[in-house]
N, C-alpha and C. Protein backbone atom coordinates (compact mmCIF):
# COMPACT_ATOMS: atom_id res chain seq x y z
N GLN A 1 143.34 119.42 -68.56
CA GLN A 1 144.62 119.05 -67.62
C GLN A 1 144.31 119.52 -66.10
N ALA A 2 144.63 118.73 -65.28
CA ALA A 2 144.67 118.83 -63.93
C ALA A 2 145.83 119.92 -63.36
N GLY A 3 145.68 120.35 -62.17
CA GLY A 3 146.72 121.16 -61.66
C GLY A 3 147.86 120.53 -61.28
N GLY A 4 149.06 120.97 -61.49
CA GLY A 4 150.47 120.27 -61.02
C GLY A 4 151.46 121.28 -60.34
N GLU A 5 152.54 120.92 -59.97
CA GLU A 5 153.36 121.86 -59.36
C GLU A 5 154.79 121.43 -59.85
N LYS A 6 155.50 122.54 -59.70
CA LYS A 6 157.26 122.21 -60.21
C LYS A 6 157.51 121.06 -59.15
N GLY A 7 158.17 119.94 -59.60
CA GLY A 7 158.82 119.04 -58.61
C GLY A 7 157.56 118.04 -58.57
N GLY A 8 156.40 118.03 -59.02
CA GLY A 8 155.17 117.17 -58.77
C GLY A 8 155.51 116.10 -59.84
N ILE A 9 154.41 115.67 -60.27
CA ILE A 9 154.08 114.40 -61.33
C ILE A 9 153.32 114.54 -62.29
N ALA A 10 153.91 114.29 -63.65
CA ALA A 10 153.27 114.66 -64.65
C ALA A 10 152.60 113.42 -65.28
N ILE A 11 151.58 113.07 -66.02
CA ILE A 11 151.03 112.06 -66.38
C ILE A 11 150.63 112.43 -67.99
N LEU A 12 151.37 112.01 -68.97
CA LEU A 12 151.10 112.19 -70.37
C LEU A 12 150.74 111.13 -71.04
N SER A 13 149.10 111.14 -71.57
CA SER A 13 148.61 110.29 -71.95
C SER A 13 148.31 110.21 -73.61
N LEU A 14 148.50 108.97 -74.07
CA LEU A 14 148.20 108.85 -75.57
C LEU A 14 146.94 108.01 -75.66
N GLY A 15 146.22 108.53 -76.28
CA GLY A 15 145.03 107.50 -76.71
C GLY A 15 143.72 107.34 -75.42
N PRO A 16 143.19 106.20 -75.56
CA PRO A 16 141.98 106.09 -75.01
C PRO A 16 142.20 105.76 -73.45
N ARG A 17 143.52 105.76 -72.83
CA ARG A 17 143.55 105.83 -71.51
C ARG A 17 143.74 107.10 -70.59
N LEU A 18 143.21 107.93 -71.38
CA LEU A 18 143.19 109.31 -70.57
C LEU A 18 142.24 109.47 -69.36
N ALA A 19 141.20 108.66 -69.68
CA ALA A 19 139.96 108.55 -68.59
C ALA A 19 140.59 107.90 -67.57
N GLU A 20 141.73 106.86 -67.53
CA GLU A 20 142.14 106.28 -66.37
C GLU A 20 143.19 106.92 -65.90
N ALA A 21 143.78 107.65 -66.86
CA ALA A 21 145.02 108.61 -66.18
C ALA A 21 144.36 109.71 -65.50
N LEU A 22 142.99 110.29 -65.67
CA LEU A 22 142.27 111.21 -64.78
C LEU A 22 142.10 110.28 -63.19
N LYS A 23 141.39 109.23 -63.41
CA LYS A 23 141.25 108.56 -62.23
C LYS A 23 142.42 108.34 -61.37
N ALA A 24 143.51 108.18 -62.09
CA ALA A 24 145.10 108.02 -61.31
C ALA A 24 145.29 109.36 -60.57
N ALA A 25 145.11 110.25 -61.39
CA ALA A 25 145.12 111.83 -60.86
C ALA A 25 144.31 112.04 -59.57
N ASP A 26 143.12 111.60 -59.37
CA ASP A 26 142.20 111.61 -58.19
C ASP A 26 142.74 110.87 -57.17
N MET A 27 143.57 109.81 -57.32
CA MET A 27 143.75 108.95 -56.25
C MET A 27 145.39 109.60 -55.81
N LEU A 28 145.98 109.95 -56.64
CA LEU A 28 147.37 110.78 -56.21
C LEU A 28 146.84 112.11 -55.48
N ALA A 29 145.83 112.64 -55.95
CA ALA A 29 145.58 113.74 -55.12
C ALA A 29 144.86 113.63 -53.91
N ALA A 30 144.45 112.35 -53.55
CA ALA A 30 144.09 111.94 -52.14
C ALA A 30 145.24 111.64 -51.52
N HIS A 31 146.30 111.32 -51.86
CA HIS A 31 147.79 111.20 -51.24
C HIS A 31 148.36 112.22 -51.36
N GLY A 32 147.75 113.66 -51.67
CA GLY A 32 148.48 114.97 -51.41
C GLY A 32 149.17 115.39 -52.54
N LEU A 33 149.26 114.46 -53.61
CA LEU A 33 150.17 114.77 -54.60
C LEU A 33 149.42 114.77 -55.97
N PRO A 34 148.70 116.18 -56.06
CA PRO A 34 147.49 116.33 -57.25
C PRO A 34 148.70 116.60 -58.79
N PRO A 35 148.61 115.76 -59.45
CA PRO A 35 149.64 115.75 -60.84
C PRO A 35 148.81 116.65 -61.94
N THR A 36 149.85 116.86 -62.91
CA THR A 36 149.37 117.49 -64.23
C THR A 36 149.22 116.07 -64.90
N VAL A 37 147.87 115.99 -65.74
CA VAL A 37 147.53 115.44 -66.57
C VAL A 37 147.50 115.77 -67.82
N ALA A 38 148.25 115.70 -69.16
CA ALA A 38 148.32 116.11 -70.20
C ALA A 38 147.67 115.04 -71.25
N ASP A 39 146.74 115.41 -72.29
CA ASP A 39 146.87 114.52 -73.69
C ASP A 39 147.58 114.75 -74.54
N ALA A 40 148.55 113.65 -75.15
CA ALA A 40 149.53 113.79 -76.02
C ALA A 40 148.71 114.23 -77.35
N ARG A 41 147.18 113.80 -77.68
CA ARG A 41 146.29 113.61 -78.72
C ARG A 41 147.00 112.96 -79.89
N PHE A 42 148.25 113.10 -80.51
CA PHE A 42 148.98 112.55 -81.49
C PHE A 42 150.26 111.96 -81.15
N ALA A 43 150.77 110.87 -81.66
CA ALA A 43 151.90 110.47 -81.38
C ALA A 43 153.12 110.68 -82.48
N LYS A 44 152.77 111.54 -83.46
CA LYS A 44 153.86 111.80 -84.48
C LYS A 44 153.14 112.93 -85.13
N PRO A 45 154.12 113.83 -85.29
CA PRO A 45 155.45 114.21 -84.44
C PRO A 45 154.85 114.63 -83.09
N ILE A 46 155.92 114.19 -82.06
CA ILE A 46 155.70 114.28 -80.82
C ILE A 46 155.59 115.90 -80.22
N ASP A 47 154.70 116.36 -79.44
CA ASP A 47 154.61 117.80 -79.07
C ASP A 47 156.03 117.97 -78.19
N VAL A 48 157.11 118.38 -78.81
CA VAL A 48 158.20 118.44 -78.11
C VAL A 48 157.97 119.84 -77.23
N GLU A 49 157.05 120.48 -77.22
CA GLU A 49 157.03 121.65 -76.37
C GLU A 49 156.32 121.37 -75.18
N LEU A 50 155.35 120.44 -75.22
CA LEU A 50 154.66 119.89 -74.34
C LEU A 50 155.56 118.93 -73.47
N VAL A 51 156.51 118.00 -73.92
CA VAL A 51 157.05 116.97 -73.71
C VAL A 51 158.13 117.77 -72.65
N GLU A 52 158.67 118.56 -73.21
CA GLU A 52 159.85 119.56 -72.65
C GLU A 52 159.53 120.35 -71.53
N ASN A 53 158.28 120.82 -71.59
CA ASN A 53 157.69 121.83 -70.56
C ASN A 53 157.28 120.72 -69.19
N LEU A 54 156.82 119.77 -69.45
CA LEU A 54 156.30 118.50 -68.43
C LEU A 54 157.62 118.22 -67.90
N ALA A 55 158.56 117.84 -68.60
CA ALA A 55 160.00 117.20 -68.09
C ALA A 55 160.65 118.52 -67.05
N ARG A 56 160.44 119.71 -67.98
CA ARG A 56 161.17 120.96 -66.98
C ARG A 56 160.40 120.86 -65.56
N ASN A 57 159.28 120.70 -65.46
CA ASN A 57 158.44 121.66 -64.43
C ASN A 57 157.94 120.32 -63.45
N HIS A 58 158.18 118.93 -63.89
CA HIS A 58 157.96 117.78 -62.75
C HIS A 58 159.12 117.13 -62.41
N ALA A 59 158.95 116.53 -61.59
CA ALA A 59 160.07 115.64 -60.83
C ALA A 59 159.99 114.13 -61.73
N VAL A 60 158.79 113.96 -61.85
CA VAL A 60 158.27 112.56 -62.23
C VAL A 60 157.47 112.65 -63.66
N LEU A 61 157.60 112.17 -64.75
CA LEU A 61 156.86 112.05 -66.06
C LEU A 61 156.74 110.64 -66.23
N ILE A 62 155.33 110.43 -66.43
CA ILE A 62 154.68 109.24 -66.80
C ILE A 62 154.32 109.09 -68.21
N THR A 63 154.63 108.43 -69.02
CA THR A 63 153.89 108.25 -70.49
C THR A 63 152.77 107.20 -70.23
N LEU A 64 151.56 107.22 -70.98
CA LEU A 64 150.79 106.33 -70.90
C LEU A 64 150.28 105.78 -72.14
N GLU A 65 149.99 104.90 -72.57
CA GLU A 65 149.68 104.30 -73.74
C GLU A 65 149.32 103.05 -73.98
N GLU A 66 148.44 102.78 -74.95
CA GLU A 66 148.04 101.23 -75.36
C GLU A 66 148.81 100.74 -76.32
N GLY A 67 150.08 101.11 -76.57
CA GLY A 67 151.06 100.99 -77.63
C GLY A 67 151.71 100.09 -76.92
N SER A 68 152.90 99.61 -77.82
CA SER A 68 153.88 98.56 -77.48
C SER A 68 155.05 99.29 -77.00
N ILE A 69 156.18 98.37 -76.22
CA ILE A 69 157.35 99.03 -76.16
C ILE A 69 158.16 99.21 -77.33
N GLY A 70 158.50 100.52 -77.66
CA GLY A 70 159.25 101.17 -78.90
C GLY A 70 158.22 101.86 -79.21
N GLY A 71 157.33 102.14 -78.80
CA GLY A 71 156.05 103.52 -79.26
C GLY A 71 156.22 104.69 -79.01
N PHE A 72 155.41 105.24 -78.50
CA PHE A 72 154.98 106.51 -77.99
C PHE A 72 156.01 106.90 -77.04
N GLY A 73 156.16 106.26 -75.98
CA GLY A 73 156.77 106.66 -74.61
C GLY A 73 158.21 106.29 -74.78
N THR A 74 158.77 105.64 -75.98
CA THR A 74 160.03 105.37 -76.37
C THR A 74 160.46 106.79 -76.85
N GLN A 75 159.53 107.14 -77.73
CA GLN A 75 159.94 108.31 -78.45
C GLN A 75 160.16 109.52 -77.75
N VAL A 76 159.22 109.66 -76.78
CA VAL A 76 159.42 110.78 -75.35
C VAL A 76 160.72 110.51 -75.15
N GLY A 77 160.84 109.40 -74.41
CA GLY A 77 162.22 109.34 -74.01
C GLY A 77 163.57 109.40 -74.47
N HIS A 78 163.29 109.03 -75.79
CA HIS A 78 164.49 109.34 -76.47
C HIS A 78 164.75 110.79 -77.01
N HIS A 79 163.45 111.74 -77.04
CA HIS A 79 163.68 113.08 -77.19
C HIS A 79 164.24 113.76 -75.75
N LEU A 80 163.94 113.27 -74.53
CA LEU A 80 164.37 113.41 -73.38
C LEU A 80 165.73 113.20 -73.28
N ALA A 81 166.19 112.17 -73.87
CA ALA A 81 167.73 111.81 -73.76
C ALA A 81 168.61 112.63 -74.75
N ARG A 82 168.10 113.00 -75.78
CA ARG A 82 168.73 113.76 -76.88
C ARG A 82 169.07 115.25 -76.31
N THR A 83 167.92 115.71 -75.78
CA THR A 83 167.86 117.12 -75.17
C THR A 83 168.59 117.28 -73.71
N GLY A 84 168.95 115.99 -73.22
CA GLY A 84 169.33 116.32 -71.77
C GLY A 84 168.39 116.73 -70.69
N LEU A 85 167.29 116.43 -71.03
CA LEU A 85 166.09 116.46 -69.69
C LEU A 85 165.57 115.33 -69.28
N LEU A 86 166.45 114.10 -69.87
CA LEU A 86 166.38 112.84 -69.14
C LEU A 86 166.75 112.98 -67.83
N ASP A 87 168.02 113.89 -67.73
CA ASP A 87 168.97 113.69 -66.55
C ASP A 87 168.16 113.97 -65.24
N ASN A 88 167.36 114.84 -65.45
CA ASN A 88 166.54 115.89 -64.48
C ASN A 88 165.08 115.10 -64.05
N VAL A 89 164.82 114.36 -64.68
CA VAL A 89 163.31 113.72 -64.27
C VAL A 89 163.36 112.49 -64.26
N ARG A 90 162.32 111.79 -63.42
CA ARG A 90 162.13 109.93 -63.29
C ARG A 90 161.15 110.06 -64.24
N PHE A 91 161.74 109.18 -65.29
CA PHE A 91 160.59 108.82 -66.56
C PHE A 91 160.28 107.51 -66.39
N ARG A 92 158.89 107.12 -66.58
CA ARG A 92 158.26 106.10 -66.45
C ARG A 92 157.30 105.79 -67.58
N PRO A 93 157.69 104.94 -68.62
CA PRO A 93 156.87 104.87 -69.93
C PRO A 93 155.86 103.56 -69.36
N LEU A 94 154.58 103.72 -69.45
CA LEU A 94 153.76 102.48 -69.13
C LEU A 94 153.02 102.20 -70.70
N THR A 95 153.32 101.05 -70.98
CA THR A 95 152.86 100.41 -72.24
C THR A 95 152.35 99.20 -72.11
N LEU A 96 151.81 98.54 -73.24
CA LEU A 96 151.40 97.38 -73.01
C LEU A 96 152.54 96.38 -73.02
N PRO A 97 152.36 95.27 -72.12
CA PRO A 97 153.78 94.63 -72.01
C PRO A 97 154.02 93.52 -73.31
N ASP A 98 155.09 93.14 -73.21
CA ASP A 98 155.77 92.35 -74.07
C ASP A 98 155.20 90.86 -74.01
N ILE A 99 154.20 90.52 -73.56
CA ILE A 99 153.67 89.19 -73.44
C ILE A 99 152.21 88.97 -73.78
N PHE A 100 151.62 87.65 -73.80
CA PHE A 100 150.40 87.15 -74.67
C PHE A 100 149.55 87.50 -73.16
N ILE A 101 148.66 88.36 -73.57
CA ILE A 101 147.40 88.59 -72.90
C ILE A 101 146.40 87.83 -73.36
N ASP A 102 145.93 87.10 -72.05
CA ASP A 102 144.64 86.37 -72.35
C ASP A 102 143.51 86.62 -72.67
N HIS A 103 142.57 86.29 -73.54
CA HIS A 103 141.40 86.59 -73.93
C HIS A 103 140.54 86.66 -72.67
N ASN A 104 139.65 87.86 -72.30
CA ASN A 104 139.34 88.07 -71.13
C ASN A 104 138.45 89.38 -71.73
N SER A 105 137.67 89.93 -70.53
CA SER A 105 136.96 91.52 -70.64
C SER A 105 138.17 92.31 -71.08
N GLN A 106 137.73 93.42 -71.19
CA GLN A 106 138.51 94.45 -71.39
C GLN A 106 139.22 95.03 -70.17
N ASP A 107 138.49 95.28 -69.27
CA ASP A 107 139.15 95.40 -67.90
C ASP A 107 140.04 94.74 -67.21
N ALA A 108 139.92 93.32 -67.61
CA ALA A 108 140.89 92.33 -67.10
C ALA A 108 141.72 92.47 -67.79
N GLN A 109 142.02 92.70 -69.04
CA GLN A 109 143.25 92.74 -70.00
C GLN A 109 143.96 94.17 -69.35
N TYR A 110 143.24 95.18 -69.35
CA TYR A 110 144.14 96.26 -68.71
C TYR A 110 144.66 96.11 -67.46
N GLU A 111 144.03 95.48 -66.73
CA GLU A 111 144.45 95.17 -65.15
C GLU A 111 145.84 94.25 -65.36
N GLN A 112 145.78 93.31 -66.26
CA GLN A 112 146.94 92.34 -66.41
C GLN A 112 148.24 92.96 -67.05
N ALA A 113 147.95 93.97 -67.88
CA ALA A 113 148.88 94.89 -68.59
C ALA A 113 149.32 95.82 -67.61
N GLY A 114 148.63 95.99 -66.42
CA GLY A 114 149.21 97.21 -65.70
C GLY A 114 148.84 98.56 -66.31
N LEU A 115 147.98 98.51 -66.92
CA LEU A 115 147.31 100.32 -67.49
C LEU A 115 146.06 100.74 -66.70
N THR A 116 146.05 100.44 -65.70
CA THR A 116 144.75 100.85 -64.87
C THR A 116 145.36 102.16 -63.60
N ALA A 117 144.34 102.41 -63.42
CA ALA A 117 144.57 103.79 -62.54
C ALA A 117 145.36 103.67 -61.01
N PRO A 118 144.97 102.29 -60.60
CA PRO A 118 145.84 102.09 -59.42
C PRO A 118 147.28 101.38 -59.91
N HIS A 119 147.59 100.90 -60.91
CA HIS A 119 148.60 100.57 -61.54
C HIS A 119 149.51 102.08 -61.69
N ILE A 120 148.82 102.93 -62.35
CA ILE A 120 149.65 104.19 -62.55
C ILE A 120 149.91 104.95 -61.38
N THR A 121 148.87 105.00 -60.29
CA THR A 121 149.34 105.39 -59.11
C THR A 121 150.58 104.98 -58.48
N LYS A 122 150.58 103.66 -58.48
CA LYS A 122 151.69 102.93 -57.80
C LYS A 122 153.15 103.21 -58.50
N THR A 123 152.78 103.34 -59.86
CA THR A 123 154.13 103.63 -60.47
C THR A 123 154.56 105.12 -60.26
N ALA A 124 153.65 105.98 -60.07
CA ALA A 124 153.96 107.54 -59.56
C ALA A 124 154.57 107.48 -58.43
N LEU A 125 154.13 106.95 -57.28
CA LEU A 125 154.50 107.09 -56.03
C LEU A 125 155.82 106.11 -55.86
N SER A 126 156.09 105.25 -56.61
CA SER A 126 157.28 104.35 -56.43
C SER A 126 158.37 105.01 -57.26
N ALA A 127 158.29 106.20 -58.00
CA ALA A 127 159.15 106.77 -58.83
C ALA A 127 160.08 107.61 -58.18
């Protein structure tokens, strides 16, 4: 985990995009906004203690996954809504979009999907 502060940005990554989340953390730190980066490690059951801690202590919570809409980020959002924590955090789930992604290099596919460090950074800065 990287350092963050109350009112800052948290990135909760599930799966192989953790390295990209850490690159985004470096980019955000260069903007004077060092985020907290957490590795969710598993999708089910969600780590409610981790999710609630991130939501309570950050103004922005981004989930990052290679899953589809309706996956991990949706479960996190649902939990936040059920517990009332969604009311006080700007929640932004980043998932694979519901589009056909052309055959290409893995990097180009991630770029098209919006799952790269620059996209994560842009999402955080615009939240």
